[in-house]
Amino acid sequence: MSIQWFPGHMNSAKKQAEEQMENIDLVIEVLDARLPEASCNPLVDRMRKFRQRPCLKILNKIDLADPVATAAWKAYYDAQDGVTAYPMTTKKPLDVARIPQLALSLAPHRGVPTKPLRIMIMGIPNVGKSTLMNALLKKRVAKVGDEPAVTKTQQKLYLDKHTVLVDTPGLMWPKIEMDSDGMMLAASHAIGTNALIEEEVAFFLGDLLLERYPHLLTARYGFKTEGMDGIAVVENVAARRGFRVRGGEFDVEKAAHVLLHDYRSGALGRISLETPATRAARIAAHEIEKAEKARIAAEKAAAKAEEAARGKRGT
């Protein structure tokens, strides 16, 4: 299943961000530590690189992510030009308190009365951007909700006399290239429910958990995972929880919801859906798939052209 989600207000948010980028010194991009690259908006990278702006990549929700994977992602981002990665959770005030100093280290020529440090905070929906804003300013200035895309307008706020924050709405990109990215984003609640089928997302999550964290499934639900696939995981959640519909069949919809909720809340354990290594493997597989599709399309086009040419010769 291919998942795409780009509500109308995001086009306006994209234009506003492009206009503001010229007037800021630093981008803080909030990522979900469980899926950093899948939750990294390519539009943000394009905008900031065009204006040559440094970036502090916040790997948020590390309390939900696999610490080994998070360490690998920090090293991955720190190796990039003009980028510093900061693993943290907004639940810890001390983590939040370090951000202004980290930001200043990326733009040391700013942060004085004559040259305030101007920061744009960006990120896709539901990665914790609004919660971070509220924690930084120590007051409620941004709406926080469990549904994606709660924030819909840009606002400018002062962290202190020398630091300006520009908060932007959660911004997706028009086309998600890899189906697996769409599924990971949906599993992590970064995509509106109107754009997905929850059972399909749960099947995908089940397959991924079997591959990387089968012991967590056993610990949470009490079943052995040998020989299972993602569908069997959801069915076994239904069996263990007694979820059945009239006629005695498993209530797959309810079980899918439980599996997704347990992952999102951390009840399943600390889970990362991707690492730099698995990301590289997915991209390589995607490129092979694209090349094969292009080859097939070219062969069909050539055959069609040849058939049309024969038809003309026949007349």
C-alpha atoms as a PDB file:
ATOM      1  CA  MET A   1       0.000   0.000   0.000  1.00  0.00           C
ATOM      2  CA  SER A   2       1.355   3.410  -1.008  1.00  0.00           C
ATOM      3  CA  ILE A   3       0.625   6.195   1.514  1.00  0.00           C
ATOM      4  CA  GLN A   4       0.607   9.871   0.503  1.00  0.00           C
ATOM      5  CA  TRP A   5      -0.539  12.784   2.687  1.00  0.00           C
ATOM      6  CA  PHE A   6      -0.156  16.477   1.829  1.00  0.00           C
ATOM      7  CA  PRO A   7      -3.130  18.494   3.164  1.00  0.00           C
ATOM      8  CA  GLY A   8      -3.864  21.841   1.492  1.00  0.00           C
ATOM      9  CA  HIS A   9      -2.515  24.034   4.299  1.00  0.00           C
ATOM     10  CA  MET A  10       0.933  22.442   3.913  1.00  0.00           C
ATOM     11  CA  ASN A  11       1.459  24.040   0.503  1.00  0.00           C
ATOM     12  CA  SER A  12       0.977  27.435   2.116  1.00  0.00           C
ATOM     13  CA  ALA A  13       3.298  26.424   4.994  1.00  0.00           C
ATOM     14  CA  LYS A  14       5.975  25.421   2.467  1.00  0.00           C
ATOM     15  CA  LYS A  15       5.829  28.820   0.736  1.00  0.00           C
ATOM     16  CA  GLN A  16       6.023  30.664   4.068  1.00  0.00           C
ATOM     17  CA  ALA A  17       9.030  28.607   5.137  1.00  0.00           C
ATOM     18  CA  GLU A  18      10.827  29.309   1.853  1.00  0.00           C
ATOM     19  CA  GLU A  19      10.235  33.051   2.314  1.00  0.00           C
ATOM     20  CA  GLN A  20      11.465  33.024   5.932  1.00  0.00           C
ATOM     21  CA  MET A  21      14.564  30.916   5.267  1.00  0.00           C
ATOM     22  CA  GLU A  22      16.432  33.936   3.883  1.00  0.00           C
ATOM     23  CA  ASN A  23      15.975  35.769   7.195  1.00  0.00           C
ATOM     24  CA  ILE A  24      17.045  33.083   9.655  1.00  0.00           C
ATOM     25  CA  ASP A  25      20.467  31.871  10.817  1.00  0.00           C
ATOM     26  CA  LEU A  26      19.791  28.290  11.828  1.00  0.00           C
ATOM     27  CA  VAL A  27      17.281  25.500  11.283  1.00  0.00           C
ATOM     28  CA  ILE A  28      16.278  23.221  14.123  1.00  0.00           C
ATOM     29  CA  GLU A  29      14.677  20.156  12.539  1.00  0.00           C
ATOM     30  CA  VAL A  30      12.809  17.884  14.932  1.00  0.00           C
ATOM     31  CA  LEU A  31      12.953  14.217  13.931  1.00  0.00           C
ATOM     32  CA  ASP A  32      11.439  11.090  15.444  1.00  0.00           C
ATOM     33  CA  ALA A  33      14.413   9.151  16.855  1.00  0.00           C
ATOM     34  CA  ARG A  34      12.670   5.870  15.953  1.00  0.00           C
ATOM     35  CA  LEU A  35      12.774   6.687  12.226  1.00  0.00           C
ATOM     36  CA  PRO A  36      15.081   9.688  11.703  1.00  0.00           C
ATOM     37  CA  GLU A  37      15.490   9.578   7.931  1.00  0.00           C
ATOM     38  CA  ALA A  38      11.908   8.557   7.194  1.00  0.00           C
ATOM     39  CA  SER A  39      10.802  11.539   9.313  1.00  0.00           C
ATOM     40  CA  CYS A  40      13.368  13.888   7.732  1.00  0.00           C
ATOM     41  CA  ASN A  41      11.597  16.179   5.255  1.00  0.00           C
ATOM     42  CA  PRO A  42      13.603  16.478   1.991  1.00  0.00           C
ATOM     43  CA  LEU A  43      12.023  19.919   1.458  1.00  0.00           C
ATOM     44  CA  VAL A  44      13.678  21.178   4.655  1.00  0.00           C
ATOM     45  CA  ASP A  45      17.096  19.957   3.534  1.00  0.00           C
ATOM     46  CA  ARG A  46      16.625  21.543   0.109  1.00  0.00           C
ATOM     47  CA  MET A  47      15.557  24.904   1.553  1.00  0.00           C
ATOM     48  CA  ARG A  48      18.328  25.202   4.130  1.00  0.00           C
ATOM     49  CA  LYS A  49      21.092  24.012   1.787  1.00  0.00           C
ATOM     50  CA  PHE A  50      20.004  26.527  -0.848  1.00  0.00           C
ATOM     51  CA  ARG A  51      20.424  29.300   1.750  1.00  0.00           C
ATOM     52  CA  GLN A  52      23.484  27.573   3.285  1.00  0.00           C
ATOM     53  CA  ARG A  53      21.958  27.413   6.756  1.00  0.00           C
ATOM     54  CA  PRO A  54      23.340  25.038   9.417  1.00  0.00           C
ATOM     55  CA  CYS A  55      21.016  22.537  11.049  1.00  0.00           C
ATOM     56  CA  LEU A  56      20.551  21.162  14.549  1.00  0.00           C
ATOM     57  CA  LYS A  57      18.768  17.852  14.088  1.00  0.00           C
ATOM     58  CA  ILE A  58      16.832  16.984  17.220  1.00  0.00           C
ATOM     59  CA  LEU A  59      16.430  13.217  17.569  1.00  0.00           C
ATOM     60  CA  ASN A  60      13.331  13.448  19.734  1.00  0.00           C
ATOM     61  CA  LYS A  61      11.560  10.683  21.669  1.00  0.00           C
ATOM     62  CA  ILE A  62      14.768   8.790  22.497  1.00  0.00           C
ATOM     63  CA  ASP A  63      12.915   7.304  25.469  1.00  0.00           C
ATOM     64  CA  LEU A  64      10.918   5.297  22.876  1.00  0.00           C
ATOM     65  CA  ALA A  65      13.827   4.481  20.546  1.00  0.00           C
ATOM     66  CA  ASP A  66      16.467   1.737  20.577  1.00  0.00           C
ATOM     67  CA  PRO A  67      19.560   3.400  22.150  1.00  0.00           C
ATOM     68  CA  VAL A  68      21.995   1.463  19.921  1.00  0.00           C
ATOM     69  CA  ALA A  69      20.210   2.681  16.788  1.00  0.00           C
ATOM     70  CA  THR A  70      20.077   6.241  18.155  1.00  0.00           C
ATOM     71  CA  ALA A  71      23.861   6.262  18.715  1.00  0.00           C
ATOM     72  CA  ALA A  72      24.352   5.121  15.106  1.00  0.00           C
ATOM     73  CA  TRP A  73      22.075   7.903  13.832  1.00  0.00           C
ATOM     74  CA  LYS A  74      23.921  10.547  15.867  1.00  0.00           C
ATOM     75  CA  ALA A  75      27.227   9.495  14.306  1.00  0.00           C
ATOM     76  CA  TYR A  76      25.585   9.466  10.856  1.00  0.00           C
ATOM     77  CA  TYR A  77      24.306  13.052  11.121  1.00  0.00           C
ATOM     78  CA  ASP A  78      27.353  14.461  12.908  1.00  0.00           C
ATOM     79  CA  ALA A  79      29.459  13.358   9.925  1.00  0.00           C
ATOM     80  CA  GLN A  80      27.445  15.667   7.631  1.00  0.00           C
ATOM     81  CA  ASP A  81      28.549  19.234   6.810  1.00  0.00           C
ATOM     82  CA  GLY A  82      26.863  21.928   8.903  1.00  0.00           C
ATOM     83  CA  VAL A  83      24.811  19.397  10.887  1.00  0.00           C
ATOM     84  CA  THR A  84      24.807  18.531  14.581  1.00  0.00           C
ATOM     85  CA  ALA A  85      22.551  15.785  15.952  1.00  0.00           C
ATOM     86  CA  TYR A  86      21.122  15.991  19.455  1.00  0.00           C
ATOM     87  CA  PRO A  87      19.332  12.920  20.887  1.00  0.00           C
ATOM     88  CA  MET A  88      16.860  14.000  23.577  1.00  0.00           C
ATOM     89  CA  THR A  89      13.360  13.824  24.990  1.00  0.00           C
ATOM     90  CA  THR A  90      11.149  16.788  25.786  1.00  0.00           C
ATOM     91  CA  LYS A  91      10.171  14.953  28.967  1.00  0.00           C
ATOM     92  CA  LYS A  92      13.532  15.941  30.496  1.00  0.00           C
ATOM     93  CA  PRO A  93      13.912  19.696  31.177  1.00  0.00           C
ATOM     94  CA  LEU A  94      17.716  19.387  31.252  1.00  0.00           C
ATOM     95  CA  ASP A  95      17.694  17.991  27.700  1.00  0.00           C
ATOM     96  CA  VAL A  96      15.628  20.955  26.530  1.00  0.00           C
ATOM     97  CA  ALA A  97      17.840  23.449  28.422  1.00  0.00           C
ATOM     98  CA  ARG A  98      20.902  22.467  26.359  1.00  0.00           C
ATOM     99  CA  ILE A  99      19.336  23.437  23.028  1.00  0.00           C
ATOM    100  CA  PRO A 100      20.010  27.230  23.042  1.00  0.00           C
ATOM    101  CA  GLN A 101      23.745  26.696  23.623  1.00  0.00           C
ATOM    102  CA  LEU A 102      23.934  24.012  20.940  1.00  0.00           C
ATOM    103  CA  ALA A 103      22.141  26.342  18.531  1.00  0.00           C
ATOM    104  CA  LEU A 104      24.531  29.182  19.299  1.00  0.00           C
ATOM    105  CA  SER A 105      27.528  26.918  18.649  1.00  0.00           C
ATOM    106  CA  LEU A 106      26.268  26.466  15.069  1.00  0.00           C
ATOM    107  CA  ALA A 107      25.880  30.228  14.531  1.00  0.00           C
ATOM    108  CA  PRO A 108      28.535  31.780  16.814  1.00  0.00           C
ATOM    109  CA  HIS A 109      28.431  35.151  15.023  1.00  0.00           C
ATOM    110  CA  ARG A 110      24.857  35.719  16.271  1.00  0.00           C
ATOM    111  CA  GLY A 111      23.173  35.901  19.677  1.00  0.00           C
ATOM    112  CA  VAL A 112      24.211  39.448  20.626  1.00  0.00           C
ATOM    113  CA  PRO A 113      22.009  42.567  21.019  1.00  0.00           C
ATOM    114  CA  THR A 114      22.864  43.874  17.556  1.00  0.00           C
ATOM    115  CA  LYS A 115      22.574  40.452  15.906  1.00  0.00           C
ATOM    116  CA  PRO A 116      19.962  38.219  17.565  1.00  0.00           C
ATOM    117  CA  LEU A 117      20.081  34.514  16.756  1.00  0.00           C
ATOM    118  CA  ARG A 118      17.151  33.734  14.462  1.00  0.00           C
ATOM    119  CA  ILE A 119      16.051  30.101  14.561  1.00  0.00           C
ATOM    120  CA  MET A 120      13.409  28.347  12.474  1.00  0.00           C
ATOM    121  CA  ILE A 121      11.964  25.205  14.073  1.00  0.00           C
ATOM    122  CA  MET A 122      10.769  22.701  11.501  1.00  0.00           C
ATOM    123  CA  GLY A 123       9.592  19.103  11.348  1.00  0.00           C
ATOM    124  CA  ILE A 124       6.886  16.823  10.045  1.00  0.00           C
ATOM    125  CA  PRO A 125       3.618  16.443  12.007  1.00  0.00           C
ATOM    126  CA  ASN A 126       3.574  14.715  15.385  1.00  0.00           C
ATOM    127  CA  VAL A 127       7.334  14.518  16.027  1.00  0.00           C
ATOM    128  CA  GLY A 128       6.990  16.702  19.136  1.00  0.00           C
ATOM    129  CA  LYS A 129       7.771  20.101  17.627  1.00  0.00           C
ATOM    130  CA  SER A 130       5.022  21.972  19.467  1.00  0.00           C
ATOM    131  CA  THR A 131       5.892  20.261  22.748  1.00  0.00           C
ATOM    132  CA  LEU A 132       9.509  21.337  22.234  1.00  0.00           C
ATOM    133  CA  MET A 133       8.456  24.946  21.607  1.00  0.00           C
ATOM    134  CA  ASN A 134       6.409  25.001  24.793  1.00  0.00           C
ATOM    135  CA  ALA A 135       9.269  23.433  26.772  1.00  0.00           C
ATOM    136  CA  LEU A 136      11.825  25.924  25.437  1.00  0.00           C
ATOM    137  CA  LEU A 137       9.658  28.924  26.271  1.00  0.00           C
ATOM    138  CA  LYS A 138       8.372  27.378  29.523  1.00  0.00           C
ATOM    139  CA  LYS A 139       4.793  28.269  28.641  1.00  0.00           C
ATOM    140  CA  ARG A 140       2.076  27.059  26.309  1.00  0.00           C
ATOM    141  CA  VAL A 141       2.527  28.896  23.008  1.00  0.00           C
ATOM    142  CA  ALA A 142       1.832  26.065  20.558  1.00  0.00           C
ATOM    143  CA  LYS A 143      -1.098  23.680  20.389  1.00  0.00           C
ATOM    144  CA  VAL A 144      -0.261  20.101  21.259  1.00  0.00           C
ATOM    145  CA  GLY A 145      -2.410  17.150  20.221  1.00  0.00           C
ATOM    146  CA  ASP A 146      -2.286  13.430  19.542  1.00  0.00           C
ATOM    147  CA  GLU A 147      -3.388  13.923  15.932  1.00  0.00           C
ATOM    148  CA  PRO A 148      -0.947  15.041  13.207  1.00  0.00           C
ATOM    149  CA  ALA A 149      -1.012  18.630  11.844  1.00  0.00           C
ATOM    150  CA  VAL A 150      -2.397  20.407  14.905  1.00  0.00           C
ATOM    151  CA  THR A 151      -0.276  23.525  14.201  1.00  0.00           C
ATOM    152  CA  LYS A 152      -1.382  25.205  10.966  1.00  0.00           C
ATOM    153  CA  THR A 153       0.140  28.715  11.092  1.00  0.00           C
ATOM    154  CA  GLN A 154       3.618  30.172  11.471  1.00  0.00           C
ATOM    155  CA  GLN A 155       4.462  32.290  14.520  1.00  0.00           C
ATOM    156  CA  LYS A 156       7.488  34.269  15.745  1.00  0.00           C
ATOM    157  CA  LEU A 157       8.447  34.171  19.438  1.00  0.00           C
ATOM    158  CA  TYR A 158      11.318  35.422  21.602  1.00  0.00           C
ATOM    159  CA  LEU A 159      13.265  32.872  23.620  1.00  0.00           C
ATOM    160  CA  ASP A 160      15.244  35.718  25.189  1.00  0.00           C
ATOM    161  CA  LYS A 161      16.431  39.192  24.194  1.00  0.00           C
ATOM    162  CA  HIS A 162      18.998  37.723  21.807  1.00  0.00           C
ATOM    163  CA  THR A 163      17.146  34.706  20.371  1.00  0.00           C
ATOM    164  CA  VAL A 164      14.118  34.640  18.066  1.00  0.00           C
ATOM    165  CA  LEU A 165      12.192  31.444  17.327  1.00  0.00           C
ATOM    166  CA  VAL A 166      10.077  30.999  14.206  1.00  0.00           C
ATOM    167  CA  ASP A 167       7.657  28.093  14.693  1.00  0.00           C
ATOM    168  CA  THR A 168       6.288  26.492  11.533  1.00  0.00           C
ATOM    169  CA  PRO A 169       3.402  24.056  10.952  1.00  0.00           C
ATOM    170  CA  GLY A 170       4.251  20.377  10.626  1.00  0.00           C
ATOM    171  CA  LEU A 171       5.251  20.005   6.995  1.00  0.00           C
ATOM    172  CA  MET A 172       5.136  16.866   4.881  1.00  0.00           C
ATOM    173  CA  TRP A 173       6.370  16.623   1.295  1.00  0.00           C
ATOM    174  CA  PRO A 174       4.145  16.087  -1.771  1.00  0.00           C
ATOM    175  CA  LYS A 175       5.337  12.578  -2.708  1.00  0.00           C
ATOM    176  CA  ILE A 176       6.765   9.894  -0.425  1.00  0.00           C
ATOM    177  CA  GLU A 177       9.150   7.973  -2.686  1.00  0.00           C
ATOM    178  CA  MET A 178       9.473   4.709  -0.768  1.00  0.00           C
ATOM    179  CA  ASP A 179       6.370   2.824   0.377  1.00  0.00           C
ATOM    180  CA  SER A 180       8.240   1.681   3.493  1.00  0.00           C
ATOM    181  CA  ASP A 181       8.707   5.329   4.557  1.00  0.00           C
ATOM    182  CA  GLY A 182       4.979   5.946   4.286  1.00  0.00           C
ATOM    183  CA  MET A 183       4.304   2.856   6.387  1.00  0.00           C
ATOM    184  CA  MET A 184       6.839   3.818   9.067  1.00  0.00           C
ATOM    185  CA  LEU A 185       5.409   7.339   9.238  1.00  0.00           C
ATOM    186  CA  ALA A 186       1.871   5.958   9.488  1.00  0.00           C
ATOM    187  CA  ALA A 187       2.890   3.469  12.198  1.00  0.00           C
ATOM    188  CA  SER A 188       4.444   6.338  14.173  1.00  0.00           C
ATOM    189  CA  HIS A 189       1.302   8.494  13.835  1.00  0.00           C
ATOM    190  CA  ALA A 190       2.842  11.187  11.618  1.00  0.00           C
ATOM    191  CA  ILE A 191       0.149  10.787   8.928  1.00  0.00           C
ATOM    192  CA  GLY A 192      -3.550  11.526   9.199  1.00  0.00           C
ATOM    193  CA  THR A 193      -5.750   8.465   9.659  1.00  0.00           C
ATOM    194  CA  ASN A 194      -7.810   9.410   6.588  1.00  0.00           C
ATOM    195  CA  ALA A 195      -4.797   8.565   4.386  1.00  0.00           C
ATOM    196  CA  LEU A 196      -4.213   5.004   5.586  1.00  0.00           C
ATOM    197  CA  ILE A 197      -5.709   1.606   6.358  1.00  0.00           C
ATOM    198  CA  GLU A 198      -4.733   0.834   9.941  1.00  0.00           C
ATOM    199  CA  GLU A 199      -4.706  -2.950   9.477  1.00  0.00           C
ATOM    200  CA  GLU A 200      -2.231  -2.702   6.561  1.00  0.00           C
ATOM    201  CA  VAL A 201       0.043  -0.476   8.648  1.00  0.00           C
ATOM    202  CA  ALA A 202      -0.130  -2.952  11.551  1.00  0.00           C
ATOM    203  CA  PHE A 203       0.772  -5.857   9.222  1.00  0.00           C
ATOM    204  CA  PHE A 204       3.824  -3.893   8.055  1.00  0.00           C
ATOM    205  CA  LEU A 205       4.799  -3.111  11.638  1.00  0.00           C
ATOM    206  CA  GLY A 206       4.336  -6.761  12.577  1.00  0.00           C
ATOM    207  CA  ASP A 207       6.731  -7.867   9.818  1.00  0.00           C
ATOM    208  CA  LEU A 208       9.322  -5.309  10.894  1.00  0.00           C
ATOM    209  CA  LEU A 209       9.061  -6.283  14.566  1.00  0.00           C
ATOM    210  CA  LEU A 210       9.472  -9.959  13.667  1.00  0.00           C
ATOM    211  CA  GLU A 211      12.656  -9.076  11.823  1.00  0.00           C
ATOM    212  CA  ARG A 212      14.204  -6.845  14.510  1.00  0.00           C
ATOM    213  CA  TYR A 213      12.430  -7.220  17.868  1.00  0.00           C
ATOM    214  CA  PRO A 214      10.649 -10.607  18.047  1.00  0.00           C
ATOM    215  CA  HIS A 215      11.529 -10.918  21.755  1.00  0.00           C
ATOM    216  CA  LEU A 216       9.526  -7.767  22.521  1.00  0.00           C
ATOM    217  CA  LEU A 217       6.431  -9.267  20.876  1.00  0.00           C
ATOM    218  CA  THR A 218       6.825 -12.394  23.007  1.00  0.00           C
ATOM    219  CA  ALA A 219       7.374 -10.366  26.175  1.00  0.00           C
ATOM    220  CA  ARG A 220       4.319  -8.182  25.568  1.00  0.00           C
ATOM    221  CA  TYR A 221       1.788 -10.670  24.212  1.00  0.00           C
ATOM    222  CA  GLY A 222       3.073 -14.067  25.321  1.00  0.00           C
ATOM    223  CA  PHE A 223       3.187 -15.882  21.967  1.00  0.00           C
ATOM    224  CA  LYS A 224       6.126 -17.452  20.154  1.00  0.00           C
ATOM    225  CA  THR A 225       6.981 -15.793  16.851  1.00  0.00           C
ATOM    226  CA  GLU A 226       8.621 -18.612  14.865  1.00  0.00           C
ATOM    227  CA  GLY A 227       7.146 -18.980  11.384  1.00  0.00           C
ATOM    228  CA  MET A 228       4.927 -15.904  11.699  1.00  0.00           C
ATOM    229  CA  ASP A 229       4.363 -13.009   9.332  1.00  0.00           C
ATOM    230  CA  GLY A 230       2.863  -9.583  10.074  1.00  0.00           C
ATOM    231  CA  ILE A 231      -0.721 -10.761   9.578  1.00  0.00           C
ATOM    232  CA  ALA A 232      -0.169 -13.644  12.015  1.00  0.00           C
ATOM    233  CA  VAL A 233       1.206 -11.178  14.583  1.00  0.00           C
ATOM    234  CA  VAL A 234      -1.994  -9.132  14.482  1.00  0.00           C
ATOM    235  CA  GLU A 235      -4.164 -12.263  14.589  1.00  0.00           C
ATOM    236  CA  ASN A 236      -2.246 -13.555  17.604  1.00  0.00           C
ATOM    237  CA  VAL A 237      -2.691 -10.207  19.381  1.00  0.00           C
ATOM    238  CA  ALA A 238      -6.416 -10.632  18.752  1.00  0.00           C
ATOM    239  CA  ALA A 239      -6.327 -14.213  20.081  1.00  0.00           C
ATOM    240  CA  ARG A 240      -4.421 -13.248  23.236  1.00  0.00           C
ATOM    241  CA  ARG A 241      -6.677 -10.288  23.974  1.00  0.00           C
ATOM    242  CA  GLY A 242      -9.901 -12.100  23.130  1.00  0.00           C
ATOM    243  CA  PHE A 243     -10.791  -9.768  20.255  1.00  0.00           C
ATOM    244  CA  ARG A 244     -13.428 -11.504  18.128  1.00  0.00           C
ATOM    245  CA  VAL A 245     -16.316 -10.399  15.983  1.00  0.00           C
ATOM    246  CA  ARG A 246     -19.696 -12.073  15.583  1.00  0.00           C
ATOM    247  CA  GLY A 247     -19.123 -15.518  14.115  1.00  0.00           C
ATOM    248  CA  GLY A 248     -15.956 -16.083  16.104  1.00  0.00           C
ATOM    249  CA  GLU A 249     -13.428 -14.621  13.661  1.00  0.00           C
ATOM    250  CA  PHE A 250     -10.580 -12.464  14.931  1.00  0.00           C
ATOM    251  CA  ASP A 251     -11.286  -8.740  15.251  1.00  0.00           C
ATOM    252  CA  VAL A 252      -8.251  -7.744  13.198  1.00  0.00           C
ATOM    253  CA  GLU A 253      -9.174  -4.051  13.219  1.00  0.00           C
ATOM    254  CA  LYS A 254      -9.161  -3.865  17.018  1.00  0.00           C
ATOM    255  CA  ALA A 255      -5.969  -5.920  17.320  1.00  0.00           C
ATOM    256  CA  ALA A 256      -4.223  -3.699  14.743  1.00  0.00           C
ATOM    257  CA  HIS A 257      -5.154  -0.637  16.793  1.00  0.00           C
ATOM    258  CA  VAL A 258      -3.721  -2.230  19.958  1.00  0.00           C
ATOM    259  CA  LEU A 259      -0.430  -3.192  18.276  1.00  0.00           C
ATOM    260  CA  LEU A 260       0.025   0.316  16.873  1.00  0.00           C
ATOM    261  CA  HIS A 261      -0.868   1.936  20.194  1.00  0.00           C
ATOM    262  CA  ASP A 262       1.564  -0.311  22.086  1.00  0.00           C
ATOM    263  CA  TYR A 263       4.368   0.640  19.691  1.00  0.00           C
ATOM    264  CA  ARG A 264       3.567   4.380  19.730  1.00  0.00           C
ATOM    265  CA  SER A 265       3.255   4.584  23.512  1.00  0.00           C
ATOM    266  CA  GLY A 266       6.394   2.569  24.216  1.00  0.00           C
ATOM    267  CA  ALA A 267       4.456  -0.248  25.886  1.00  0.00           C
ATOM    268  CA  LEU A 268       6.183  -2.703  23.513  1.00  0.00           C
ATOM    269  CA  GLY A 269       9.631  -1.438  24.474  1.00  0.00           C
ATOM    270  CA  ARG A 270      12.292   0.799  22.949  1.00  0.00           C
ATOM    271  CA  ILE A 271      12.061   0.281  19.198  1.00  0.00           C
ATOM    272  CA  SER A 272      13.714   1.908  16.181  1.00  0.00           C
ATOM    273  CA  LEU A 273      12.162   1.197  12.805  1.00  0.00           C
ATOM    274  CA  GLU A 274      15.357   1.959  10.894  1.00  0.00           C
ATOM    275  CA  THR A 275      19.124   2.283  11.314  1.00  0.00           C
ATOM    276  CA  PRO A 276      21.661   3.858   8.915  1.00  0.00           C
ATOM    277  CA  ALA A 277      22.449   0.324   7.649  1.00  0.00           C
ATOM    278  CA  THR A 278      18.825  -0.738   7.059  1.00  0.00           C
ATOM    279  CA  ARG A 279      18.167   2.671   5.458  1.00  0.00           C
ATOM    280  CA  ALA A 280      20.991   2.174   2.973  1.00  0.00           C
ATOM    281  CA  ALA A 281      19.693  -1.318   2.146  1.00  0.00           C
ATOM    282  CA  ARG A 282      16.143  -0.016   1.566  1.00  0.00           C
ATOM    283  CA  ILE A 283      17.387   2.757  -0.724  1.00  0.00           C
ATOM    284  CA  ALA A 284      19.494   0.287  -2.733  1.00  0.00           C
ATOM    285  CA  ALA A 285      16.507  -2.050  -3.126  1.00  0.00           C
ATOM    286  CA  HIS A 286      14.298   0.889  -4.108  1.00  0.00           C
ATOM    287  CA  GLU A 287      16.761   2.010  -6.805  1.00  0.00           C
ATOM    288  CA  ILE A 288      16.856  -1.523  -8.249  1.00  0.00           C
ATOM    289  CA  GLU A 289      13.053  -1.623  -8.262  1.00  0.00           C
ATOM    290  CA  LYS A 290      12.864   1.774  -9.991  1.00  0.00           C
ATOM    291  CA  ALA A 291      15.366   0.707 -12.641  1.00  0.00           C
ATOM    292  CA  GLU A 292      13.394  -2.479 -13.302  1.00  0.00           C
ATOM    293  CA  LYS A 293      10.122  -0.541 -13.638  1.00  0.00           C
ATOM    294  CA  ALA A 294      11.816   1.891 -16.031  1.00  0.00           C
ATOM    295  CA  ARG A 295      13.165  -1.027 -18.109  1.00  0.00           C
ATOM    296  CA  ILE A 296       9.725  -2.645 -18.362  1.00  0.00           C
ATOM    297  CA  ALA A 297       8.107   0.684 -19.274  1.00  0.00           C
ATOM    298  CA  ALA A 298      10.755   1.289 -21.974  1.00  0.00           C
ATOM    299  CA  GLU A 299      10.205  -2.202 -23.429  1.00  0.00           C
ATOM    300  CA  LYS A 300       6.445  -1.660 -23.530  1.00  0.00           C
ATOM    301  CA  ALA A 301       6.870   1.725 -25.186  1.00  0.00           C
ATOM    302  CA  ALA A 302       9.256   0.254 -27.769  1.00  0.00           C
ATOM    303  CA  ALA A 303       6.872  -2.619 -28.503  1.00  0.00           C
ATOM    304  CA  LYS A 304       3.979  -0.187 -28.881  1.00  0.00           C
ATOM    305  CA  ALA A 305       5.999   2.002 -31.236  1.00  0.00           C
ATOM    306  CA  GLU A 306       7.023  -1.028 -33.296  1.00  0.00           C
ATOM    307  CA  GLU A 307       3.409  -2.191 -33.500  1.00  0.00           C
ATOM    308  CA  ALA A 308       2.317   1.273 -34.632  1.00  0.00           C
ATOM    309  CA  ALA A 309       5.089   1.329 -37.255  1.00  0.00           C
ATOM    310  CA  ARG A 310       4.017  -2.078 -38.603  1.00  0.00           C
ATOM    311  CA  GLY A 311       0.458  -0.829 -38.834  1.00  0.00           C
ATOM    312  CA  LYS A 312       1.560   2.148 -40.929  1.00  0.00           C
ATOM    313  CA  ARG A 313       3.634  -0.045 -43.217  1.00  0.00           C
ATOM    314  CA  GLY A 314       0.640  -2.343 -43.668  1.00  0.00           C
ATOM    315  CA  THR A 315      -1.562   0.497 -44.860  1.00  0.00           C
END
